[in-house]
Amino acid sequence: MKNKIVKNLVKFIFIIGFSTAIFAQNSKVQFKDITNNSGIDFKYTIGDNSYVNILESSGSGVTVFDYNNDGFMDLYLLNGKYIEGISDKEGEMYKSYHNEFYKNNGNGTFTKVTKKTGLEGKSWGEAAVPIDLDKDGFKDLYVLNYGSNVFYHNNGDGTFTDITSKLGLQGPEKLNGFTKWSIGASFFDYNLDGRLDVLVGNFLAFDSKYISTQTPGMMPHPSEYKGQASMLYEQQKNGNFIEVTKKVGLYYPNSKCMGLTVYDYDNDGDLDIFQANDHQMNFLFKNENGKFKDVGVASGVAVNSQGKPTGSMQGTVGDYDNDGLLDIFVADLRYGAIYHNLGNGLYEDTTSSSGLEKELSGKGSWGVSFFDYDNDGDLDIVAANGTAEDLILQYPLLLENDGKGHFTNIGKESGSYFSTKRSGRGLAVWDFDNDGDMDIIISHLDKTATPSLLRNDAKNGNHWLGLTLKSKANPSALAGAKVLVTIDGKQKIFVNQFSTGYLSNSDPRIHIGLGKHKRIDKLEIFWTNGVKEVFNNIVANQYITILQEKGIIKN
């Protein structure tokens, strides 16, 4: 009898333990690759079939935005193409390749509407920035190219019109003697005059005929080329733009920009600029009454933990340790750098102590993003990886934050995509199905050359809030606006960003993971025109829009 009781007890413990393990496994967030059934049939090209130069290795960007105001995020994928004199002759078959635009149908599928919208593009596409420049309620699109840039006005009827020459935003034909190569842009009000200006990041002076003297059998290293200056365009009262780069202290003719991040790093009420540079020291331009001064070295963000400039891609901003200060994570081809904000204008490199050096070493990271993948209230990281000089595939990474600012790779247990080596480039995080958890879209430069749409199938019961900021009278107040959230006496800070990753722009809505909390006690918005607004007792699990000085206008 005694033995039977013991056996039954052991059996009961085994069943409970097994059930608990199954529950834990099922409650783990899984990402499912649904690309094949989504209607996204994009194929990336480098203009030919040989991977031999730095233009081909740069890859493509990903931009998500709601072009028709139906509440669902749509998808714009940038593409390369055959360029005579650069591409191999057999690449002529890629002459007709172009960017593609996909309308979100709201049911988990997408419809290609590129020709209808007029967004094919005629150049080698790098990045695209959505912005409602004329305040008509529809997002326009600024496309950055190897070649002339193009600004498309959203007509509000599903079509776009090229108005670049009217605005003066095409950029120079050449910089430093070679075709202008733009990699992105950030719209913000640098001089606080109430009008949106735009900083365009330019990369390097690419000479397709140059053969490396250092490594003649490989593509030349970025350090063997001259750079190209990033350029600031100031919006005038008539809506046109004039270039003011030298006037404001931003003219660095040999810089090699890979990404621009605009935010108020020193909390003085104006917007500063972090410029990630390729194999040069990064810049942190402090805004001093509309003039800029590089304080990258003094602030501690110019180089990595070994004191070396590396192939920096883009700075992504977020409070990864929940101390109320905005930190900055910089993807690069070595192991990245995470700079912890000390709150006094200085940063501390915590790449090693955060676990990121170990996880990212040797992976070659391009597109990365902070995001709360499991809605538990802290920021995790996703990284698209691949080697630059050679087409060597790498595993993508999903790095989970333990809540104390330490990261561990959990990708291989979070979906088959993370167990497959690819060569990733552009990356965006978005809630394409509006279910409250963040999904992922990644572009690739490899023989498959297809993007991957990863649906987040979270079933952990955590809560969330999605927030859109708008301002009819003063759209310049949006870029860099800060949001402070208070829950049970604890505060979290977020920033409204227009440019979020390498060649890419993520979901423009601020996504706030709340864990088991069902409401936000207090939400404070610090608009960049100096206005502060406070909202109390906001219920979780919804998307809301806050219009400056008008309150919550949509649930």
Protein backbone atom coordinates (compact mmCIF):
# COMPACT_ATOMS: atom_id res chain seq x y z
CA MET A 1 0.00 0.00 0.00
CA LYS A 2 2.83 2.30 0.96
CA ASN A 3 4.69 1.54 -2.28
CA LYS A 4 1.54 2.21 -4.31
CA ILE A 5 1.10 5.61 -2.66
CA VAL A 6 4.74 6.49 -3.38
CA LYS A 7 4.37 5.39 -7.01
CA ASN A 8 1.21 7.46 -7.46
CA LEU A 9 2.88 10.46 -5.84
CA VAL A 10 5.87 10.17 -8.19
CA LYS A 11 3.49 9.86 -11.14
CA PHE A 12 1.57 12.94 -10.00
CA ILE A 13 4.76 14.97 -9.61
CA PHE A 14 5.90 13.85 -13.08
CA ILE A 15 2.58 14.86 -14.67
CA ILE A 16 2.62 18.26 -12.93
CA GLY A 17 6.24 18.83 -13.94
CA PHE A 18 5.60 17.75 -17.52
CA SER A 19 2.49 19.95 -17.76
CA THR A 20 4.41 22.89 -16.33
CA ALA A 21 7.19 22.40 -18.89
CA ILE A 22 4.66 22.21 -21.73
CA PHE A 23 2.94 25.35 -20.46
CA ALA A 24 6.27 27.19 -20.21
CA GLN A 25 7.16 26.11 -23.74
CA ASN A 26 3.76 27.16 -25.12
CA SER A 27 3.88 30.50 -23.29
CA LYS A 28 7.24 31.35 -24.90
CA VAL A 29 6.79 33.89 -27.66
CA GLN A 30 7.18 32.37 -31.11
CA PHE A 31 7.84 34.16 -34.39
CA LYS A 32 6.35 32.47 -37.43
CA ASP A 33 7.65 33.20 -40.93
CA ILE A 34 4.48 33.85 -42.95
CA THR A 35 6.12 35.48 -45.99
CA ASN A 36 5.01 32.83 -48.49
CA ASN A 37 1.32 33.28 -47.67
CA SER A 38 1.41 37.04 -47.15
CA GLY A 39 1.46 38.21 -50.78
CA ILE A 40 4.91 39.78 -50.36
CA ASP A 41 6.72 38.46 -53.44
CA PHE A 42 9.69 40.84 -53.37
CA LYS A 43 13.08 39.80 -54.77
CA TYR A 44 16.16 41.91 -54.11
CA THR A 45 18.83 42.44 -56.76
CA ILE A 46 22.36 43.81 -56.62
CA GLY A 47 22.25 44.52 -60.37
CA ASP A 48 24.07 41.38 -61.49
CA ASN A 49 25.09 37.96 -60.18
CA SER A 50 28.55 38.73 -58.79
CA TYR A 51 29.15 40.18 -55.33
CA VAL A 52 32.23 42.33 -55.92
CA ASN A 53 31.74 45.94 -54.79
CA ILE A 54 30.62 47.99 -51.81
CA LEU A 55 27.44 49.25 -53.49
CA GLU A 56 26.31 45.66 -53.97
CA SER A 57 27.13 44.81 -50.36
CA SER A 58 25.08 47.68 -48.89
CA GLY A 59 21.73 45.92 -49.24
CA SER A 60 18.24 47.37 -49.11
CA GLY A 61 16.02 49.23 -46.67
CA VAL A 62 12.58 48.56 -45.24
CA THR A 63 9.99 51.25 -44.49
CA VAL A 64 6.55 50.80 -42.94
CA PHE A 65 3.85 53.49 -42.77
CA ASP A 66 0.10 53.89 -43.23
CA TYR A 67 -0.23 55.56 -46.64
CA ASN A 68 -4.06 55.47 -46.89
CA ASN A 69 -5.06 56.14 -43.25
CA ASP A 70 -6.90 52.83 -42.81
CA GLY A 71 -5.10 52.11 -39.52
CA PHE A 72 -2.86 49.35 -40.91
CA MET A 73 0.84 49.73 -41.66
CA ASP A 74 1.85 49.27 -45.30
CA LEU A 75 5.25 48.16 -46.61
CA TYR A 76 7.82 49.76 -48.92
CA LEU A 77 10.85 47.69 -49.92
CA LEU A 78 13.85 49.34 -51.55
CA ASN A 79 15.70 47.59 -54.39
CA GLY A 80 18.93 47.73 -56.35
CA LYS A 81 19.13 47.51 -60.12
CA TYR A 82 21.47 47.14 -63.08
CA ILE A 83 23.69 50.20 -63.53
CA GLU A 84 25.76 50.44 -66.66
CA GLY A 85 29.46 50.80 -65.88
CA ILE A 86 29.05 49.28 -62.41
CA SER A 87 27.08 46.06 -62.90
CA ASP A 88 28.39 43.13 -64.92
CA LYS A 89 27.03 42.92 -68.46
CA GLU A 90 24.92 39.83 -67.77
CA GLY A 91 23.07 41.91 -65.19
CA GLU A 92 21.08 43.66 -67.91
CA MET A 93 18.26 41.29 -67.04
CA TYR A 94 17.84 43.36 -63.84
CA LYS A 95 17.32 46.69 -65.64
CA SER A 96 13.59 46.67 -64.97
CA TYR A 97 13.89 45.87 -61.25
CA HIS A 98 12.57 48.58 -58.92
CA ASN A 99 11.25 49.32 -55.45
CA GLU A 100 7.98 47.67 -54.45
CA PHE A 101 5.06 48.92 -52.37
CA TYR A 102 2.59 46.59 -50.65
CA LYS A 103 -0.80 47.61 -49.26
CA ASN A 104 -1.79 45.96 -45.99
CA ASN A 105 -5.19 44.31 -46.49
CA GLY A 106 -5.84 44.12 -42.75
CA ASN A 107 -6.28 40.34 -42.79
CA GLY A 108 -2.64 39.24 -42.64
CA THR A 109 -2.05 39.59 -46.38
CA PHE A 110 -0.68 42.30 -48.67
CA THR A 111 -1.41 43.45 -52.21
CA LYS A 112 1.29 44.92 -54.44
CA VAL A 113 0.24 48.43 -55.53
CA THR A 114 3.57 49.79 -56.75
CA LYS A 115 2.48 50.84 -60.25
CA LYS A 116 -0.80 52.32 -59.04
CA THR A 117 0.97 54.46 -56.44
CA GLY A 118 3.82 55.49 -58.77
CA LEU A 119 6.52 54.52 -56.26
CA GLU A 120 8.67 52.28 -58.49
CA GLY A 121 11.64 54.66 -58.47
CA LYS A 122 14.24 55.01 -61.22
CA SER A 123 17.46 54.79 -59.17
CA TRP A 124 19.19 52.30 -56.89
CA GLY A 125 17.00 52.64 -53.80
CA GLU A 126 18.58 52.77 -50.35
CA ALA A 127 16.06 54.13 -47.83
CA ALA A 128 12.72 55.92 -47.57
CA VAL A 129 11.33 58.28 -44.94
CA PRO A 130 7.55 58.86 -44.49
CA ILE A 131 6.61 62.37 -43.43
CA ASP A 132 3.47 64.52 -43.67
CA LEU A 133 5.31 67.57 -44.92
CA ASP A 134 2.32 69.66 -46.06
CA LYS A 135 0.10 68.84 -43.05
CA ASP A 136 -2.74 67.44 -45.19
CA GLY A 137 -3.10 64.31 -43.04
CA PHE A 138 -1.42 61.92 -45.49
CA LYS A 139 2.15 60.65 -45.22
CA ASP A 140 4.43 61.68 -48.07
CA LEU A 141 7.60 59.72 -48.87
CA TYR A 142 11.20 60.88 -49.27
CA VAL A 143 13.25 58.23 -51.09
CA LEU A 144 17.02 58.27 -50.69
CA ASN A 145 19.10 56.81 -53.52
CA TYR A 146 22.45 56.12 -55.03
CA GLY A 147 21.78 59.00 -57.40
CA SER A 148 19.19 61.75 -57.15
CA ASN A 149 16.80 61.61 -54.21
CA VAL A 150 13.05 61.81 -54.82
CA PHE A 151 10.28 63.37 -52.72
CA TYR A 152 6.82 61.93 -53.44
CA HIS A 153 3.71 63.86 -52.38
CA ASN A 154 0.84 61.67 -51.20
CA ASN A 155 -2.22 62.80 -53.18
CA GLY A 156 -4.64 61.15 -50.73
CA ASP A 157 -6.20 58.96 -53.44
CA GLY A 158 -3.70 56.09 -53.39
CA THR A 159 -1.23 57.81 -55.73
CA PHE A 160 1.96 59.83 -55.25
CA THR A 161 3.46 62.69 -57.29
CA ASP A 162 7.16 63.54 -57.62
CA ILE A 163 7.61 67.14 -56.36
CA THR A 164 11.36 66.95 -55.68
CA SER A 165 12.47 69.78 -57.97
CA LYS A 166 9.86 72.11 -56.48
CA LEU A 167 11.17 71.46 -52.96
CA GLY A 168 14.87 71.40 -53.88
CA LEU A 169 15.54 68.05 -52.19
CA GLN A 170 17.12 66.01 -55.00
CA GLY A 171 20.64 66.68 -53.69
CA PRO A 172 23.76 67.35 -55.77
CA GLU A 173 24.56 65.06 -58.67
CA LYS A 174 28.03 64.38 -57.28
CA LEU A 175 29.87 64.73 -53.99
CA ASN A 176 33.65 64.51 -53.73
CA GLY A 177 33.80 63.82 -57.47
CA PHE A 178 31.48 60.80 -57.59
CA THR A 179 27.74 60.02 -57.67
CA LYS A 180 25.96 61.13 -54.50
CA TRP A 181 25.15 58.13 -52.33
CA SER A 182 22.41 58.86 -49.76
CA ILE A 183 21.57 56.31 -47.07
CA GLY A 184 18.78 57.99 -45.12
CA ALA A 185 17.30 61.19 -43.75
CA SER A 186 15.82 62.66 -40.58
CA PHE A 187 13.16 65.37 -40.50
CA PHE A 188 13.29 67.66 -37.47
CA ASP A 189 13.14 71.34 -36.54
CA TYR A 190 16.80 72.13 -35.93
CA ASN A 191 16.31 75.87 -35.30
CA LEU A 192 12.93 75.75 -33.52
CA ASP A 193 11.22 78.03 -36.05
CA GLY A 194 8.19 75.75 -36.32
CA ARG A 195 9.13 74.29 -39.72
CA LEU A 196 10.48 70.82 -40.44
CA ASP A 197 14.01 70.73 -41.80
CA VAL A 198 15.77 67.59 -43.08
CA LEU A 199 19.24 66.16 -42.62
CA VAL A 200 20.31 63.78 -45.41
CA GLY A 201 23.00 61.23 -44.61
CA ASN A 202 25.49 60.54 -47.39
CA PHE A 203 27.96 57.67 -47.45
CA LEU A 204 31.07 57.59 -49.62
CA ALA A 205 32.51 58.53 -53.02
CA PHE A 206 32.23 55.17 -54.77
CA ASP A 207 34.67 54.68 -57.64
CA SER A 208 33.58 51.51 -59.43
CA LYS A 209 36.90 51.30 -61.31
CA TYR A 210 39.10 51.36 -58.23
CA ILE A 211 40.90 48.10 -57.37
CA SER A 212 42.19 47.70 -53.86
CA THR A 213 45.94 47.89 -53.35
CA GLN A 214 45.51 46.28 -49.94
CA THR A 215 43.32 43.31 -50.90
CA PRO A 216 43.26 43.14 -54.74
CA GLY A 217 41.27 39.91 -54.71
CA MET A 218 38.41 41.40 -52.67
CA MET A 219 36.20 44.46 -52.81
CA PRO A 220 37.97 47.58 -51.49
CA HIS A 221 37.54 48.43 -47.83
CA PRO A 222 35.41 51.54 -47.05
CA SER A 223 38.51 53.27 -45.67
CA GLU A 224 40.02 53.27 -49.18
CA TYR A 225 37.38 55.68 -50.51
CA LYS A 226 36.79 59.35 -49.84
CA GLY A 227 33.65 60.24 -47.94
CA GLN A 228 30.63 62.40 -48.76
CA ALA A 229 29.23 65.12 -46.53
CA SER A 230 25.82 64.73 -44.94
CA MET A 231 23.67 67.75 -45.81
CA LEU A 232 21.15 69.80 -43.83
CA TYR A 233 18.27 71.43 -45.71
CA GLU A 234 16.35 74.23 -44.00
CA GLN A 235 12.67 74.69 -44.86
CA GLN A 236 11.73 78.22 -45.85
CA LYS A 237 8.41 80.01 -45.27
CA ASN A 238 7.31 79.13 -48.83
CA GLY A 239 7.86 75.41 -48.21
CA ASN A 240 11.03 75.10 -50.28
CA PHE A 241 14.37 73.98 -48.87
CA ILE A 242 17.84 75.50 -49.00
CA GLU A 243 21.07 73.74 -48.01
CA VAL A 244 22.70 75.19 -44.86
CA THR A 245 25.25 72.51 -43.92
CA LYS A 246 28.33 74.75 -43.64
CA LYS A 247 26.37 77.56 -42.01
CA VAL A 248 25.40 75.38 -39.02
CA GLY A 249 28.72 73.56 -38.55
CA LEU A 250 27.76 70.15 -39.99
CA TYR A 251 30.02 70.14 -43.06
CA TYR A 252 32.39 67.16 -42.90
CA PRO A 253 33.26 66.42 -46.57
CA ASN A 254 35.01 63.12 -45.89
CA SER A 255 32.58 61.61 -43.38
CA LYS A 256 31.00 58.25 -44.21
CA CYS A 257 27.55 58.28 -42.68
CA MET A 258 25.65 55.01 -42.34
CA GLY A 259 22.82 56.21 -40.12
CA LEU A 260 21.29 59.30 -38.50
CA THR A 261 19.53 59.44 -35.13
CA VAL A 262 17.94 62.67 -33.93
CA TYR A 263 16.99 63.11 -30.27
CA ASP A 264 17.56 65.48 -27.34
CA TYR A 265 20.47 63.70 -25.70
CA ASP A 266 21.17 66.40 -23.09
CA ASN A 267 17.57 67.37 -22.21
CA ASP A 268 18.06 71.05 -23.05
CA GLY A 269 14.97 71.37 -25.23
CA ASP A 270 16.50 71.20 -28.69
CA LEU A 271 17.35 68.24 -30.92
CA ASP A 272 20.85 66.83 -31.31
CA ILE A 273 22.23 64.39 -33.91
CA PHE A 274 24.05 61.08 -33.56
CA GLN A 275 25.75 60.14 -36.84
CA ALA A 276 26.99 56.57 -37.14
CA ASN A 277 30.06 56.48 -39.39
CA ASP A 278 31.68 53.61 -41.27
CA HIS A 279 35.22 52.96 -40.00
CA GLN A 280 35.46 56.51 -38.68
CA MET A 281 34.68 57.89 -35.27
CA ASN A 282 30.96 58.49 -34.75
CA PHE A 283 29.68 62.05 -34.35
CA LEU A 284 27.39 63.39 -31.65
CA PHE A 285 26.42 66.88 -32.75
CA LYS A 286 25.24 69.02 -29.83
CA ASN A 287 22.70 71.64 -30.89
CA GLU A 288 23.62 75.05 -29.50
CA ASN A 289 20.97 77.53 -30.65
CA GLY A 290 20.86 76.15 -34.18
CA LYS A 291 24.62 75.62 -34.50
CA PHE A 292 26.19 72.20 -34.05
CA LYS A 293 29.34 71.05 -32.27
CA ASP A 294 30.71 67.51 -32.35
CA VAL A 295 30.98 66.17 -28.79
CA GLY A 296 31.23 62.49 -29.73
CA VAL A 297 34.66 61.96 -28.19
CA ALA A 298 33.93 64.01 -25.07
CA SER A 299 30.60 62.25 -24.47
CA GLY A 300 32.01 58.74 -24.94
CA VAL A 301 30.14 57.58 -28.07
CA ALA A 302 32.77 58.07 -30.78
CA VAL A 303 34.40 54.62 -30.60
CA ASN A 304 33.75 51.15 -29.23
CA SER A 305 34.91 49.61 -25.96
CA GLN A 306 38.36 48.93 -27.43
CA GLY A 307 38.75 52.56 -28.44
CA LYS A 308 38.35 51.71 -32.13
CA PRO A 309 36.05 53.13 -34.82
CA THR A 310 34.24 50.28 -36.55
CA GLY A 311 31.64 49.78 -39.27
CA SER A 312 28.85 51.54 -37.38
CA MET A 313 25.40 51.30 -38.98
CA GLN A 314 22.78 53.24 -37.02
CA GLY A 315 22.07 54.32 -33.49
CA THR A 316 18.77 53.07 -32.07
CA VAL A 317 17.56 54.94 -28.98
CA GLY A 318 15.78 53.49 -25.96
CA ASP A 319 15.92 53.13 -22.18
CA TYR A 320 17.16 49.54 -22.01
CA ASP A 321 17.66 49.51 -18.22
CA ASN A 322 14.54 51.50 -17.26
CA ASP A 323 16.41 54.22 -15.36
CA GLY A 324 14.53 57.05 -17.09
CA LEU A 325 17.39 58.01 -19.44
CA LEU A 326 17.66 57.35 -23.16
CA ASP A 327 20.56 55.07 -24.06
CA ILE A 328 21.86 54.38 -27.56
CA PHE A 329 22.72 51.05 -29.18
CA VAL A 330 24.92 51.16 -32.28
CA ALA A 331 25.02 48.17 -34.61
CA ASP A 332 28.33 47.48 -36.32
CA LEU A 333 30.24 44.72 -38.09
CA ARG A 334 32.37 43.83 -35.06
CA TYR A 335 30.15 43.46 -32.00
CA GLY A 336 28.26 46.73 -31.65
CA ALA A 337 28.24 49.22 -28.82
CA ILE A 338 25.64 50.07 -26.23
CA TYR A 339 26.16 53.42 -24.57
CA HIS A 340 24.52 53.82 -21.17
CA ASN A 341 23.32 57.38 -20.53
CA LEU A 342 24.76 58.69 -17.26
CA GLY A 343 22.42 61.71 -17.26
CA ASN A 344 25.11 64.38 -17.33
CA GLY A 345 25.83 64.47 -21.05
CA LEU A 346 28.17 61.50 -20.75
CA TYR A 347 27.79 57.85 -21.76
CA GLU A 348 29.38 54.67 -20.45
CA ASP A 349 30.11 51.79 -22.80
CA THR A 350 28.37 48.75 -21.27
CA THR A 351 28.62 46.44 -24.28
CA SER A 352 30.53 43.80 -22.34
CA SER A 353 28.62 43.91 -19.05
CA SER A 354 25.26 43.88 -20.89
CA GLY A 355 26.15 40.61 -22.65
CA LEU A 356 25.97 42.15 -26.11
CA GLU A 357 29.66 41.82 -26.92
CA LYS A 358 29.49 38.07 -26.37
CA GLU A 359 26.30 37.61 -28.40
CA LEU A 360 27.16 39.92 -31.32
CA SER A 361 30.87 39.24 -31.72
CA GLY A 362 31.68 38.10 -35.26
CA LYS A 363 28.07 38.24 -36.45
CA GLY A 364 28.29 41.41 -38.58
CA SER A 365 25.14 43.31 -37.56
CA TRP A 366 23.37 45.66 -39.97
CA GLY A 367 19.71 46.33 -39.15
CA VAL A 368 18.91 46.23 -35.43
CA SER A 369 16.11 47.54 -33.28
CA PHE A 370 15.13 47.94 -29.66
CA PHE A 371 11.63 46.55 -29.14
CA ASP A 372 9.62 44.87 -26.38
CA TYR A 373 8.95 41.57 -28.14
CA ASP A 374 7.08 40.00 -25.20
CA ASN A 375 5.38 43.13 -23.78
CA ASP A 376 6.97 42.55 -20.39
CA GLY A 377 8.01 46.19 -19.99
CA ASP A 378 11.68 46.12 -20.98
CA LEU A 379 13.42 46.58 -24.32
CA ASP A 380 14.79 43.59 -26.17
CA ILE A 381 16.86 43.60 -29.39
CA VAL A 382 16.56 41.95 -32.80
CA ALA A 383 19.56 41.95 -35.15
CA ALA A 384 19.91 41.11 -38.86
CA ASN A 385 23.43 39.87 -39.55
CA GLY A 386 25.77 39.08 -42.44
CA THR A 387 29.39 39.56 -43.46
CA ALA A 388 30.25 42.60 -45.60
CA GLU A 389 33.28 41.88 -47.80
CA ASP A 390 32.25 38.28 -48.51
CA LEU A 391 28.75 36.90 -48.88
CA ILE A 392 28.95 34.80 -45.71
CA LEU A 393 25.63 34.01 -44.03
CA GLN A 394 25.03 34.45 -40.31
CA TYR A 395 22.32 33.61 -37.80
CA PRO A 396 19.91 36.46 -36.97
CA LEU A 397 19.59 37.15 -33.26
CA LEU A 398 16.74 37.77 -30.84
CA LEU A 399 18.26 39.14 -27.64
CA GLU A 400 16.07 39.04 -24.56
CA ASN A 401 16.46 41.63 -21.81
CA ASP A 402 16.36 40.11 -18.32
CA GLY A 403 14.82 43.33 -16.97
CA LYS A 404 18.12 44.52 -15.55
CA GLY A 405 19.80 45.42 -18.84
CA HIS A 406 21.52 42.11 -19.58
CA PHE A 407 20.83 40.37 -22.90
CA THR A 408 20.78 36.70 -23.91
CA ASN A 409 20.16 35.21 -27.34
CA ILE A 410 16.90 33.24 -27.37
CA GLY A 411 16.42 33.24 -31.14
CA LYS A 412 16.77 29.53 -31.80
CA GLU A 413 13.98 28.74 -29.35
CA SER A 414 11.73 31.47 -30.73
CA GLY A 415 11.11 30.32 -34.29
CA SER A 416 12.72 28.53 -37.21
CA TYR A 417 13.83 31.78 -38.86
CA PHE A 418 16.39 32.36 -36.12
CA SER A 419 17.86 28.92 -36.75
CA THR A 420 18.56 29.65 -40.41
CA LYS A 421 21.64 31.50 -41.62
CA ARG A 422 20.89 34.46 -43.90
CA SER A 423 22.60 37.69 -44.93
CA GLY A 424 20.33 40.34 -43.45
CA ARG A 425 20.41 44.08 -44.09
CA GLY A 426 17.38 46.34 -43.51
CA LEU A 427 15.05 45.58 -40.59
CA ALA A 428 11.87 47.11 -39.19
CA VAL A 429 9.65 46.18 -36.25
CA TRP A 430 5.92 46.80 -36.60
CA ASP A 431 2.53 45.55 -35.53
CA PHE A 432 1.26 44.76 -39.03
CA ASP A 433 -1.83 42.93 -37.77
CA ASN A 434 -2.67 45.41 -34.96
CA ASP A 435 -2.88 42.68 -32.32
CA GLY A 436 -0.64 44.49 -29.86
CA ASP A 437 2.59 42.55 -30.21
CA MET A 438 5.51 43.58 -32.38
CA ASP A 439 6.25 41.70 -35.59
CA ILE A 440 9.44 41.86 -37.67
CA ILE A 441 10.26 42.38 -41.37
CA ILE A 442 13.86 41.82 -42.58
CA SER A 443 15.38 42.27 -46.05
CA HIS A 444 18.18 40.00 -47.25
CA LEU A 445 21.12 40.11 -49.56
CA ASP A 446 21.82 36.48 -50.39
CA LYS A 447 21.03 33.94 -53.08
CA THR A 448 17.44 33.64 -51.83
CA ALA A 449 17.11 37.45 -51.75
CA THR A 450 13.58 37.42 -50.32
CA PRO A 451 12.42 39.33 -47.23
CA SER A 452 11.05 37.57 -44.16
CA LEU A 453 7.83 38.63 -42.46
CA LEU A 454 7.87 37.24 -38.92
CA ARG A 455 4.54 37.25 -37.13
CA ASN A 456 4.71 37.49 -33.34
CA ASP A 457 2.47 34.81 -31.86
CA ALA A 458 2.67 35.90 -28.23
CA LYS A 459 0.34 34.13 -25.82
CA ASN A 460 1.69 35.28 -22.48
CA GLY A 461 -1.18 37.55 -21.44
CA ASN A 462 0.96 40.69 -21.16
CA HIS A 463 -0.64 44.05 -21.81
CA TRP A 464 0.39 46.96 -24.06
CA LEU A 465 -0.47 50.40 -25.39
CA GLY A 466 0.12 51.84 -28.87
CA LEU A 467 0.51 55.61 -29.15
CA THR A 468 0.47 57.95 -32.16
CA LEU A 469 1.43 61.59 -31.70
CA LYS A 470 0.02 64.25 -34.02
CA SER A 471 0.09 68.02 -34.28
CA LYS A 472 -1.92 69.82 -36.95
CA ALA A 473 -0.52 73.29 -36.35
CA ASN A 474 3.07 72.30 -35.64
CA PRO A 475 4.27 68.94 -37.03
CA SER A 476 7.81 69.94 -36.11
CA ALA A 477 6.84 69.25 -32.48
CA LEU A 478 6.62 65.51 -33.21
CA ALA A 479 10.20 64.56 -34.08
CA GLY A 480 12.07 63.71 -30.89
CA ALA A 481 9.07 64.25 -28.59
CA LYS A 482 9.46 62.32 -25.34
CA VAL A 483 6.83 60.28 -23.56
CA LEU A 484 7.09 59.49 -19.85
CA VAL A 485 4.91 56.66 -18.58
CA THR A 486 4.18 56.08 -14.87
CA ILE A 487 2.89 52.69 -13.64
CA ASP A 488 2.67 51.91 -9.93
CA GLY A 489 5.14 54.68 -9.17
CA LYS A 490 7.71 53.45 -11.70
CA GLN A 491 8.57 55.50 -14.76
CA LYS A 492 9.54 54.52 -18.31
CA ILE A 493 10.67 56.90 -21.04
CA PHE A 494 10.11 56.66 -24.81
CA VAL A 495 11.01 58.89 -27.75
CA ASN A 496 9.10 59.58 -30.96
CA GLN A 497 11.61 58.69 -33.68
CA PHE A 498 11.33 59.23 -37.44
CA SER A 499 14.41 57.19 -38.41
CA THR A 500 15.03 54.01 -36.49
CA GLY A 501 17.45 51.57 -38.16
CA TYR A 502 19.95 50.89 -40.92
CA LEU A 503 18.30 52.11 -44.15
CA SER A 504 14.94 51.50 -42.47
CA ASN A 505 11.99 53.01 -40.63
CA SER A 506 9.92 51.02 -38.16
CA ASP A 507 6.31 51.37 -37.02
CA PRO A 508 5.86 55.11 -36.26
CA ARG A 509 3.58 54.33 -33.33
CA ILE A 510 5.20 54.28 -29.90
CA HIS A 511 4.78 50.77 -28.51
CA ILE A 512 4.64 50.40 -24.73
CA GLY A 513 4.81 46.97 -23.10
CA LEU A 514 2.97 46.90 -19.77
CA GLY A 515 3.49 43.38 -18.45
CA LYS A 516 0.57 42.42 -16.19
CA HIS A 517 -0.55 46.04 -15.70
CA LYS A 518 -3.96 46.82 -17.22
CA ARG A 519 -3.61 50.58 -17.30
CA ILE A 520 -1.16 53.46 -17.30
CA ASP A 521 -1.49 55.74 -14.27
CA LYS A 522 0.05 58.79 -15.91
CA LEU A 523 1.33 59.58 -19.40
CA GLU A 524 3.32 62.79 -19.92
CA ILE A 525 4.23 64.13 -23.37
CA PHE A 526 7.10 66.57 -23.79
CA TRP A 527 6.59 68.04 -27.25
CA THR A 528 9.70 69.50 -28.87
CA ASN A 529 8.14 72.97 -29.12
CA GLY A 530 8.18 73.20 -25.31
CA VAL A 531 4.58 72.16 -24.62
CA LYS A 532 3.96 69.53 -21.93
CA GLU A 533 0.70 67.57 -21.63
CA VAL A 534 -0.43 65.05 -19.02
CA PHE A 535 -3.02 62.27 -19.37
CA ASN A 536 -4.19 60.01 -16.55
CA ASN A 537 -5.66 56.54 -16.18
CA ILE A 538 -5.26 55.18 -19.73
CA VAL A 539 -6.63 51.67 -20.26
CA ALA A 540 -4.27 49.12 -21.83
CA ASN A 541 -4.58 46.99 -24.99
CA GLN A 542 -5.57 49.71 -27.45
CA TYR A 543 -4.13 52.09 -30.01
CA ILE A 544 -4.72 55.75 -29.26
CA THR A 545 -3.85 58.99 -31.04
CA ILE A 546 -3.03 62.15 -29.12
CA LEU A 547 -3.33 65.44 -30.97
CA GLN A 548 -1.24 68.20 -29.43
CA GLU A 549 -3.34 70.42 -27.15
CA LYS A 550 -6.54 68.60 -28.27
CA GLY A 551 -6.18 65.39 -26.28
CA ILE A 552 -6.98 61.80 -27.19
CA ILE A 553 -8.83 61.90 -30.50
CA LYS A 554 -9.08 58.25 -31.45
CA ASN A 555 -9.32 54.90 -29.67
